């Protein structure tokens, strides 16, 4: 895991175990329909500052498109959202 995002070092096997655990949750849904940047909400387009935020913006646009919630370890993703949209993100802390 990215130590700039998660404060503790986590090995790849531990990270894969966490991913498996989180994605096996009954509420987990995998979406294959992903909006293009032309379909993103205007506030996302306006807030992306560089290429490093494109994946985050794509995830957020997908969540909004499907009226879902993004579960993530990265609190930095909240910077792309106005306050009224932050409920679409649930931050988690890994239990390793």
PDB file of N, CA and C in Angstrom:
ATOM      1  N   UNK A   1       0.834  -1.182   0.000  1.00  0.00           N
ATOM      2  CA  UNK A   1       0.000   0.000   0.000  1.00  0.00           C
ATOM      3  C   UNK A   1       0.878   1.244   0.000  1.00  0.00           C
ATOM      4  N   UNK A   2       0.335   2.275  -0.538  1.00  0.00           N
ATOM      5  CA  UNK A   2       1.065   3.535  -0.645  1.00  0.00           C
ATOM      6  C   UNK A   2       1.229   4.152   0.742  1.00  0.00           C
ATOM      7  N   UNK A   3       2.466   4.264   1.217  1.00  0.00           N
ATOM      8  CA  UNK A   3       2.691   4.783   2.574  1.00  0.00           C
ATOM      9  C   UNK A   3       2.406   6.275   2.691  1.00  0.00           C
ATOM     10  N   UNK A   4       2.187   6.960   1.569  1.00  0.00           N
ATOM     11  CA  UNK A   4       1.736   8.352   1.645  1.00  0.00           C
ATOM     12  C   UNK A   4       0.243   8.415   1.957  1.00  0.00           C
ATOM     13  N   UNK A   5      -0.448   7.313   1.722  1.00  0.00           N
ATOM     14  CA  UNK A   5      -1.891   7.247   1.961  1.00  0.00           C
ATOM     15  C   UNK A   5      -2.176   6.523   3.271  1.00  0.00           C
ATOM     16  N   UNK A   6      -1.535   5.384   3.453  1.00  0.00           N
ATOM     17  CA  UNK A   6      -1.729   4.564   4.652  1.00  0.00           C
ATOM     18  C   UNK A   6      -0.466   4.678   5.482  1.00  0.00           C
ATOM     19  N   UNK A   7      -0.619   5.001   6.752  1.00  0.00           N
ATOM     20  CA  UNK A   7       0.549   5.321   7.573  1.00  0.00           C
ATOM     21  C   UNK A   7       1.418   4.125   7.936  1.00  0.00           C
ATOM     22  N   UNK A   8       0.943   2.907   7.753  1.00  0.00           N
ATOM     23  CA  UNK A   8       1.763   1.754   8.110  1.00  0.00           C
ATOM     24  C   UNK A   8       2.131   0.968   6.854  1.00  0.00           C
ATOM     25  N   UNK A   9       3.278   0.297   6.914  1.00  0.00           N
ATOM     26  CA  UNK A   9       3.691  -0.542   5.803  1.00  0.00           C
ATOM     27  C   UNK A   9       2.863  -1.822   5.809  1.00  0.00           C
ATOM     28  N   UNK A  10       2.325  -2.176   4.657  1.00  0.00           N
ATOM     29  CA  UNK A  10       1.520  -3.381   4.521  1.00  0.00           C
ATOM     30  C   UNK A  10       2.101  -4.177   3.364  1.00  0.00           C
ATOM     31  N   UNK A  11       2.369  -5.447   3.594  1.00  0.00           N
ATOM     32  CA  UNK A  11       2.945  -6.286   2.545  1.00  0.00           C
ATOM     33  C   UNK A  11       1.901  -6.562   1.466  1.00  0.00           C
ATOM     34  N   UNK A  12       2.363  -6.976   0.295  1.00  0.00           N
ATOM     35  CA  UNK A  12       1.451  -7.299  -0.793  1.00  0.00           C
ATOM     36  C   UNK A  12       0.486  -8.417  -0.396  1.00  0.00           C
ATOM     37  N   UNK A  13       0.950  -9.523   0.209  1.00  0.00           N
ATOM     38  CA  UNK A  13      -0.008 -10.557   0.621  1.00  0.00           C
ATOM     39  C   UNK A  13      -1.065 -10.022   1.600  1.00  0.00           C
ATOM     40  N   UNK A  14      -0.654  -9.167   2.518  1.00  0.00           N
ATOM     41  CA  UNK A  14      -1.621  -8.597   3.464  1.00  0.00           C
ATOM     42  C   UNK A  14      -2.610  -7.689   2.736  1.00  0.00           C
ATOM     43  N   UNK A  15      -2.120  -6.894   1.787  1.00  0.00           N
ATOM     44  CA  UNK A  15      -2.999  -6.014   1.020  1.00  0.00           C
ATOM     45  C   UNK A  15      -3.989  -6.822   0.189  1.00  0.00           C
ATOM     46  N   UNK A  16      -3.527  -7.905  -0.428  1.00  0.00           N
ATOM     47  CA  UNK A  16      -4.419  -8.768  -1.210  1.00  0.00           C
ATOM     48  C   UNK A  16      -5.473  -9.419  -0.324  1.00  0.00           C
ATOM     49  N   UNK A  17      -5.065  -9.796   0.883  1.00  0.00           N
ATOM     50  CA  UNK A  17      -6.021 -10.369   1.838  1.00  0.00           C
ATOM     51  C   UNK A  17      -7.102  -9.341   2.192  1.00  0.00           C
ATOM     52  N   UNK A  18      -6.690  -8.098   2.457  1.00  0.00           N
ATOM     53  CA  UNK A  18      -7.654  -7.041   2.764  1.00  0.00           C
ATOM     54  C   UNK A  18      -8.593  -6.798   1.584  1.00  0.00           C
ATOM     55  N   UNK A  19      -8.039  -6.728   0.394  1.00  0.00           N
ATOM     56  CA  UNK A  19      -8.857  -6.504  -0.790  1.00  0.00           C
ATOM     57  C   UNK A  19      -9.880  -7.621  -0.954  1.00  0.00           C
ATOM     58  N   UNK A  20      -9.452  -8.854  -0.770  1.00  0.00           N
ATOM     59  CA  UNK A  20     -10.360  -9.994  -0.869  1.00  0.00           C
ATOM     60  C   UNK A  20     -11.470  -9.895   0.171  1.00  0.00           C
ATOM     61  N   UNK A  21     -11.094  -9.509   1.367  1.00  0.00           N
ATOM     62  CA  UNK A  21     -12.079  -9.387   2.442  1.00  0.00           C
ATOM     63  C   UNK A  21     -13.103  -8.290   2.139  1.00  0.00           C
ATOM     64  N   UNK A  22     -12.618  -7.142   1.692  1.00  0.00           N
ATOM     65  CA  UNK A  22     -13.527  -6.030   1.420  1.00  0.00           C
ATOM     66  C   UNK A  22     -14.424  -6.312   0.212  1.00  0.00           C
ATOM     67  N   UNK A  23     -13.889  -6.937  -0.821  1.00  0.00           N
ATOM     68  CA  UNK A  23     -14.692  -7.183  -2.017  1.00  0.00           C
ATOM     69  C   UNK A  23     -15.627  -8.375  -1.874  1.00  0.00           C
ATOM     70  N   UNK A  24     -15.469  -9.179  -0.830  1.00  0.00           N
ATOM     71  CA  UNK A  24     -16.396 -10.291  -0.605  1.00  0.00           C
ATOM     72  C   UNK A  24     -17.605  -9.859   0.221  1.00  0.00           C
ATOM     73  N   UNK A  25     -17.627  -8.614   0.644  1.00  0.00           N
ATOM     74  CA  UNK A  25     -18.758  -8.083   1.399  1.00  0.00           C
ATOM     75  C   UNK A  25     -20.025  -8.145   0.543  1.00  0.00           C
ATOM     76  N   UNK A  26     -21.152  -8.435   1.158  1.00  0.00           N
ATOM     77  CA  UNK A  26     -22.423  -8.564   0.438  1.00  0.00           C
ATOM     78  C   UNK A  26     -22.820  -7.274  -0.278  1.00  0.00           C
ATOM     79  N   UNK A  27     -22.349  -6.125   0.205  1.00  0.00           N
ATOM     80  CA  UNK A  27     -22.706  -4.852  -0.406  1.00  0.00           C
ATOM     81  C   UNK A  27     -21.758  -4.429  -1.525  1.00  0.00           C
ATOM     82  N   UNK A  28     -20.676  -5.172  -1.728  1.00  0.00           N
ATOM     83  CA  UNK A  28     -19.724  -4.818  -2.784  1.00  0.00           C
ATOM     84  C   UNK A  28     -20.337  -5.079  -4.153  1.00  0.00           C
ATOM     85  N   UNK A  29     -20.154  -4.125  -5.045  1.00  0.00           N
ATOM     86  CA  UNK A  29     -20.625  -4.256  -6.423  1.00  0.00           C
ATOM     87  C   UNK A  29     -19.493  -3.858  -7.348  1.00  0.00           C
ATOM     88  N   UNK A  30     -19.322  -4.621  -8.410  1.00  0.00           N
ATOM     89  CA  UNK A  30     -18.318  -4.265  -9.406  1.00  0.00           C
ATOM     90  C   UNK A  30     -19.034  -3.735 -10.634  1.00  0.00           C
ATOM     91  N   UNK A  31     -18.701  -2.498 -11.008  1.00  0.00           N
ATOM     92  CA  UNK A  31     -19.338  -1.868 -12.159  1.00  0.00           C
ATOM     93  C   UNK A  31     -18.407  -1.915 -13.350  1.00  0.00           C
ATOM     94  N   UNK A  32     -18.944  -2.262 -14.493  1.00  0.00           N
ATOM     95  CA  UNK A  32     -18.141  -2.278 -15.713  1.00  0.00           C
ATOM     96  C   UNK A  32     -18.418  -1.051 -16.573  1.00  0.00           C
ATOM     97  N   UNK A  33     -19.524  -0.358 -16.320  1.00  0.00           N
ATOM     98  CA  UNK A  33     -19.848   0.862 -17.059  1.00  0.00           C
ATOM     99  C   UNK A  33     -19.175   2.043 -16.367  1.00  0.00           C
ATOM    100  N   UNK A  34     -18.199   2.630 -17.040  1.00  0.00           N
ATOM    101  CA  UNK A  34     -17.406   3.717 -16.466  1.00  0.00           C
ATOM    102  C   UNK A  34     -17.587   4.962 -17.336  1.00  0.00           C
ATOM    103  N   UNK A  35     -18.037   6.053 -16.737  1.00  0.00           N
ATOM    104  CA  UNK A  35     -18.226   7.272 -17.538  1.00  0.00           C
ATOM    105  C   UNK A  35     -16.905   7.838 -18.055  1.00  0.00           C
ATOM    106  N   UNK A  36     -16.958   8.387 -19.247  1.00  0.00           N
ATOM    107  CA  UNK A  36     -15.782   9.049 -19.818  1.00  0.00           C
ATOM    108  C   UNK A  36     -15.664  10.439 -19.199  1.00  0.00           C
ATOM    109  N   UNK A  37     -14.502  11.074 -19.298  1.00  0.00           N
ATOM    110  CA  UNK A  37     -14.363  12.431 -18.753  1.00  0.00           C
ATOM    111  C   UNK A  37     -15.408  13.416 -19.288  1.00  0.00           C
ATOM    112  N   UNK A  38     -15.894  13.218 -20.479  1.00  0.00           N
ATOM    113  CA  UNK A  38     -16.950  14.092 -21.024  1.00  0.00           C
ATOM    114  C   UNK A  38     -18.249  13.957 -20.228  1.00  0.00           C
ATOM    115  N   UNK A  39     -18.407  12.831 -19.527  1.00  0.00           N
ATOM    116  CA  UNK A  39     -19.628  12.578 -18.761  1.00  0.00           C
ATOM    117  C   UNK A  39     -19.472  12.893 -17.272  1.00  0.00           C
ATOM    118  N   UNK A  40     -18.282  13.300 -16.852  1.00  0.00           N
ATOM    119  CA  UNK A  40     -18.044  13.613 -15.446  1.00  0.00           C
ATOM    120  C   UNK A  40     -18.838  14.842 -15.037  1.00  0.00           C
ATOM    121  N   UNK A  41     -19.227  14.908 -13.765  1.00  0.00           N
ATOM    122  CA  UNK A  41     -19.825  16.154 -13.265  1.00  0.00           C
ATOM    123  C   UNK A  41     -18.823  17.304 -13.436  1.00  0.00           C
ATOM    124  N   UNK A  42     -19.328  18.471 -13.713  1.00  0.00           N
ATOM    125  CA  UNK A  42     -18.473  19.637 -13.976  1.00  0.00           C
ATOM    126  C   UNK A  42     -17.494  19.906 -12.831  1.00  0.00           C
ATOM    127  N   UNK A  43     -17.953  19.725 -11.581  1.00  0.00           N
ATOM    128  CA  UNK A  43     -17.057  20.028 -10.458  1.00  0.00           C
ATOM    129  C   UNK A  43     -15.839  19.116 -10.450  1.00  0.00           C
ATOM    130  N   UNK A  44     -15.959  17.872 -10.940  1.00  0.00           N
ATOM    131  CA  UNK A  44     -14.786  16.993 -11.015  1.00  0.00           C
ATOM    132  C   UNK A  44     -13.799  17.518 -12.051  1.00  0.00           C
ATOM    133  N   UNK A  45     -14.299  17.862 -13.205  1.00  0.00           N
ATOM    134  CA  UNK A  45     -13.441  18.387 -14.263  1.00  0.00           C
ATOM    135  C   UNK A  45     -12.700  19.629 -13.758  1.00  0.00           C
ATOM    136  N   UNK A  46     -13.415  20.488 -13.039  1.00  0.00           N
ATOM    137  CA  UNK A  46     -12.816  21.732 -12.548  1.00  0.00           C
ATOM    138  C   UNK A  46     -11.787  21.499 -11.444  1.00  0.00           C
ATOM    139  N   UNK A  47     -11.925  20.418 -10.682  1.00  0.00           N
ATOM    140  CA  UNK A  47     -11.050  20.201  -9.521  1.00  0.00           C
ATOM    141  C   UNK A  47      -9.799  19.374  -9.816  1.00  0.00           C
ATOM    142  N   UNK A  48      -9.784  18.605 -10.892  1.00  0.00           N
ATOM    143  CA  UNK A  48      -8.612  17.780 -11.216  1.00  0.00           C
ATOM    144  C   UNK A  48      -7.451  18.698 -11.560  1.00  0.00           C
ATOM    145  N   UNK A  49      -6.346  18.539 -10.824  1.00  0.00           N
ATOM    146  CA  UNK A  49      -5.179  19.405 -10.988  1.00  0.00           C
ATOM    147  C   UNK A  49      -4.060  18.779 -11.820  1.00  0.00           C
ATOM    148  N   UNK A  50      -4.130  17.480 -12.053  1.00  0.00           N
ATOM    149  CA  UNK A  50      -3.062  16.830 -12.810  1.00  0.00           C
ATOM    150  C   UNK A  50      -3.366  15.360 -13.031  1.00  0.00           C
ATOM    151  N   UNK A  51      -2.473  14.701 -13.746  1.00  0.00           N
ATOM    152  CA  UNK A  51      -2.693  13.314 -14.144  1.00  0.00           C
ATOM    153  C   UNK A  51      -2.848  12.363 -12.958  1.00  0.00           C
ATOM    154  N   UNK A  52      -2.284  12.697 -11.808  1.00  0.00           N
ATOM    155  CA  UNK A  52      -2.370  11.810 -10.649  1.00  0.00           C
ATOM    156  C   UNK A  52      -3.776  11.735 -10.064  1.00  0.00           C
ATOM    157  N   UNK A  53      -4.621  12.671 -10.417  1.00  0.00           N
ATOM    158  CA  UNK A  53      -5.985  12.673  -9.897  1.00  0.00           C
ATOM    159  C   UNK A  53      -7.004  12.096 -10.877  1.00  0.00           C
ATOM    160  N   UNK A  54      -6.580  11.721 -12.065  1.00  0.00           N
ATOM    161  CA  UNK A  54      -7.519  11.226 -13.069  1.00  0.00           C
ATOM    162  C   UNK A  54      -8.164   9.910 -12.623  1.00  0.00           C
ATOM    163  N   UNK A  55      -7.398   9.000 -12.061  1.00  0.00           N
ATOM    164  CA  UNK A  55      -7.980   7.738 -11.597  1.00  0.00           C
ATOM    165  C   UNK A  55      -8.985   7.989 -10.484  1.00  0.00           C
ATOM    166  N   UNK A  56      -8.638   8.857  -9.536  1.00  0.00           N
ATOM    167  CA  UNK A  56      -9.564   9.195  -8.454  1.00  0.00           C
ATOM    168  C   UNK A  56     -10.851   9.800  -9.009  1.00  0.00           C
ATOM    169  N   UNK A  57     -10.723  10.716  -9.950  1.00  0.00           N
ATOM    170  CA  UNK A  57     -11.902  11.348 -10.542  1.00  0.00           C
ATOM    171  C   UNK A  57     -12.753  10.331 -11.298  1.00  0.00           C
ATOM    172  N   UNK A  58     -12.104   9.399 -11.982  1.00  0.00           N
ATOM    173  CA  UNK A  58     -12.838   8.342 -12.688  1.00  0.00           C
ATOM    174  C   UNK A  58     -13.612   7.478 -11.702  1.00  0.00           C
ATOM    175  N   UNK A  59     -12.973   7.120 -10.592  1.00  0.00           N
ATOM    176  CA  UNK A  59     -13.671   6.334  -9.559  1.00  0.00           C
ATOM    177  C   UNK A  59     -14.876   7.099  -9.015  1.00  0.00           C
ATOM    178  N   UNK A  60     -14.684   8.363  -8.713  1.00  0.00           N
ATOM    179  CA  UNK A  60     -15.780   9.170  -8.175  1.00  0.00           C
ATOM    180  C   UNK A  60     -16.903   9.339  -9.197  1.00  0.00           C
ATOM    181  N   UNK A  61     -16.566   9.581 -10.446  1.00  0.00           N
ATOM    182  CA  UNK A  61     -17.592   9.717 -11.483  1.00  0.00           C
ATOM    183  C   UNK A  61     -18.377   8.416 -11.638  1.00  0.00           C
ATOM    184  N   UNK A  62     -17.687   7.285 -11.529  1.00  0.00           N
ATOM    185  CA  UNK A  62     -18.353   5.984 -11.625  1.00  0.00           C
ATOM    186  C   UNK A  62     -19.309   5.780 -10.458  1.00  0.00           C
ATOM    187  N   UNK A  63     -18.862   6.130  -9.272  1.00  0.00           N
ATOM    188  CA  UNK A  63     -19.714   6.021  -8.079  1.00  0.00           C
ATOM    189  C   UNK A  63     -20.973   6.876  -8.241  1.00  0.00           C
ATOM    190  N   UNK A  64     -20.798   8.088  -8.717  1.00  0.00           N
ATOM    191  CA  UNK A  64     -21.940   8.984  -8.896  1.00  0.00           C
ATOM    192  C   UNK A  64     -22.877   8.469  -9.990  1.00  0.00           C
ATOM    193  N   UNK A  65     -22.304   7.956 -11.057  1.00  0.00           N
ATOM    194  CA  UNK A  65     -23.086   7.425 -12.165  1.00  0.00           C
ATOM    195  C   UNK A  65     -23.993   6.282 -11.693  1.00  0.00           C
ATOM    196  N   UNK A  66     -23.480   5.463 -10.767  1.00  0.00           N
ATOM    197  CA  UNK A  66     -24.226   4.302 -10.268  1.00  0.00           C
ATOM    198  C   UNK A  66     -24.917   4.573  -8.929  1.00  0.00           C
ATOM    199  N   UNK A  67     -24.853   5.819  -8.468  1.00  0.00           N
ATOM    200  CA  UNK A  67     -25.448   6.216  -7.186  1.00  0.00           C
ATOM    201  C   UNK A  67     -24.968   5.306  -6.061  1.00  0.00           C
ATOM    202  N   UNK A  68     -23.644   5.121  -5.999  1.00  0.00           N
ATOM    203  CA  UNK A  68     -23.048   4.241  -5.004  1.00  0.00           C
ATOM    204  C   UNK A  68     -22.170   4.981  -4.025  1.00  0.00           C
ATOM    205  N   UNK A  69     -21.354   4.212  -3.312  1.00  0.00           N
ATOM    206  CA  UNK A  69     -20.410   4.731  -2.338  1.00  0.00           C
ATOM    207  C   UNK A  69     -19.042   4.136  -2.638  1.00  0.00           C
ATOM    208  N   UNK A  70     -18.016   4.969  -2.620  1.00  0.00           N
ATOM    209  CA  UNK A  70     -16.640   4.504  -2.800  1.00  0.00           C
ATOM    210  C   UNK A  70     -16.034   4.255  -1.436  1.00  0.00           C
ATOM    211  N   UNK A  71     -15.533   3.056  -1.217  1.00  0.00           N
ATOM    212  CA  UNK A  71     -14.822   2.715   0.010  1.00  0.00           C
ATOM    213  C   UNK A  71     -13.343   2.758  -0.334  1.00  0.00           C
ATOM    214  N   UNK A  72     -12.576   3.554   0.413  1.00  0.00           N
ATOM    215  CA  UNK A  72     -11.170   3.767   0.073  1.00  0.00           C
ATOM    216  C   UNK A  72     -10.327   3.994   1.315  1.00  0.00           C
ATOM    217  N   UNK A  73      -9.040   3.789   1.160  1.00  0.00           N
ATOM    218  CA  UNK A  73      -8.066   4.087   2.198  1.00  0.00           C
ATOM    219  C   UNK A  73      -7.524   5.508   2.045  1.00  0.00           C
ATOM    220  N   UNK A  74      -7.789   6.144   0.920  1.00  0.00           N
ATOM    221  CA  UNK A  74      -7.165   7.412   0.551  1.00  0.00           C
ATOM    222  C   UNK A  74      -8.057   8.608   0.865  1.00  0.00           C
ATOM    223  N   UNK A  75      -7.753   9.296   1.948  1.00  0.00           N
ATOM    224  CA  UNK A  75      -8.555  10.466   2.325  1.00  0.00           C
ATOM    225  C   UNK A  75      -8.347  11.629   1.360  1.00  0.00           C
ATOM    226  N   UNK A  76      -7.272  11.612   0.590  1.00  0.00           N
ATOM    227  CA  UNK A  76      -6.994  12.675  -0.361  1.00  0.00           C
ATOM    228  C   UNK A  76      -8.037  12.793  -1.455  1.00  0.00           C
ATOM    229  N   UNK A  77      -8.757  11.733  -1.706  1.00  0.00           N
ATOM    230  CA  UNK A  77      -9.770  11.752  -2.760  1.00  0.00           C
ATOM    231  C   UNK A  77     -10.891  12.740  -2.441  1.00  0.00           C
ATOM    232  N   UNK A  78     -11.062  13.028  -1.153  1.00  0.00           N
ATOM    233  CA  UNK A  78     -12.112  13.965  -0.746  1.00  0.00           C
ATOM    234  C   UNK A  78     -11.892  15.372  -1.295  1.00  0.00           C
ATOM    235  N   UNK A  79     -10.651  15.699  -1.636  1.00  0.00           N
ATOM    236  CA  UNK A  79     -10.362  17.036  -2.157  1.00  0.00           C
ATOM    237  C   UNK A  79     -11.020  17.286  -3.514  1.00  0.00           C
ATOM    238  N   UNK A  80     -11.448  16.227  -4.175  1.00  0.00           N
ATOM    239  CA  UNK A  80     -12.101  16.383  -5.472  1.00  0.00           C
ATOM    240  C   UNK A  80     -13.605  16.615  -5.353  1.00  0.00           C
ATOM    241  N   UNK A  81     -14.123  16.526  -4.137  1.00  0.00           N
ATOM    242  CA  UNK A  81     -15.570  16.629  -3.944  1.00  0.00           C
ATOM    243  C   UNK A  81     -15.979  17.879  -3.196  1.00  0.00           C
ATOM    244  N   UNK A  82     -17.104  18.479  -3.594  1.00  0.00           N
ATOM    245  CA  UNK A  82     -17.659  19.540  -2.755  1.00  0.00           C
ATOM    246  C   UNK A  82     -18.260  18.892  -1.508  1.00  0.00           C
ATOM    247  N   UNK A  83     -18.428  19.665  -0.456  1.00  0.00           N
ATOM    248  CA  UNK A  83     -18.945  19.125   0.801  1.00  0.00           C
ATOM    249  C   UNK A  83     -20.220  18.321   0.664  1.00  0.00           C
ATOM    250  N   UNK A  84     -21.088  18.723  -0.252  1.00  0.00           N
ATOM    251  CA  UNK A  84     -22.370  18.032  -0.422  1.00  0.00           C
ATOM    252  C   UNK A  84     -22.218  16.629  -0.990  1.00  0.00           C
ATOM    253  N   UNK A  85     -21.072  16.296  -1.553  1.00  0.00           N
ATOM    254  CA  UNK A  85     -20.857  14.990  -2.177  1.00  0.00           C
ATOM    255  C   UNK A  85     -19.956  14.063  -1.367  1.00  0.00           C
ATOM    256  N   UNK A  86     -19.406  14.533  -0.254  1.00  0.00           N
ATOM    257  CA  UNK A  86     -18.442  13.709   0.497  1.00  0.00           C
ATOM    258  C   UNK A  86     -19.068  12.455   1.095  1.00  0.00           C
ATOM    259  N   UNK A  87     -20.376  12.407   1.217  1.00  0.00           N
ATOM    260  CA  UNK A  87     -21.025  11.202   1.740  1.00  0.00           C
ATOM    261  C   UNK A  87     -20.916  10.024   0.778  1.00  0.00           C
ATOM    262  N   UNK A  88     -20.485  10.294  -0.431  1.00  0.00           N
ATOM    263  CA  UNK A  88     -20.295   9.215  -1.411  1.00  0.00           C
ATOM    264  C   UNK A  88     -19.004   8.428  -1.161  1.00  0.00           C
ATOM    265  N   UNK A  89     -18.199   8.880  -0.199  1.00  0.00           N
ATOM    266  CA  UNK A  89     -16.924   8.225   0.102  1.00  0.00           C
ATOM    267  C   UNK A  89     -16.932   7.757   1.546  1.00  0.00           C
ATOM    268  N   UNK A  90     -16.544   6.499   1.744  1.00  0.00           N
ATOM    269  CA  UNK A  90     -16.370   5.962   3.089  1.00  0.00           C
ATOM    270  C   UNK A  90     -14.897   5.616   3.262  1.00  0.00           C
ATOM    271  N   UNK A  91     -14.255   6.295   4.199  1.00  0.00           N
ATOM    272  CA  UNK A  91     -12.846   6.034   4.472  1.00  0.00           C
ATOM    273  C   UNK A  91     -12.717   4.867   5.426  1.00  0.00           C
ATOM    274  N   UNK A  92     -11.743   4.002   5.163  1.00  0.00           N
ATOM    275  CA  UNK A  92     -11.492   2.849   6.035  1.00  0.00           C
ATOM    276  C   UNK A  92     -10.047   2.860   6.490  1.00  0.00           C
ATOM    277  N   UNK A  93      -9.809   2.226   7.609  1.00  0.00           N
ATOM    278  CA  UNK A  93      -8.460   2.055   8.152  1.00  0.00           C
ATOM    279  C   UNK A  93      -8.180   0.560   8.130  1.00  0.00           C
ATOM    280  N   UNK A  94      -7.095   0.140   7.481  1.00  0.00           N
ATOM    281  CA  UNK A  94      -6.822  -1.303   7.376  1.00  0.00           C
ATOM    282  C   UNK A  94      -6.527  -1.922   8.740  1.00  0.00           C
ATOM    283  N   UNK A  95      -7.089  -3.087   8.932  1.00  0.00           N
ATOM    284  CA  UNK A  95      -6.799  -3.881  10.133  1.00  0.00           C
ATOM    285  C   UNK A  95      -5.885  -5.002   9.686  1.00  0.00           C
ATOM    286  N   UNK A  96      -4.624  -4.867   9.956  1.00  0.00           N
ATOM    287  CA  UNK A  96      -3.646  -5.857   9.478  1.00  0.00           C
ATOM    288  C   UNK A  96      -3.075  -6.593  10.654  1.00  0.00           C
TER     289      UNK A  96
END
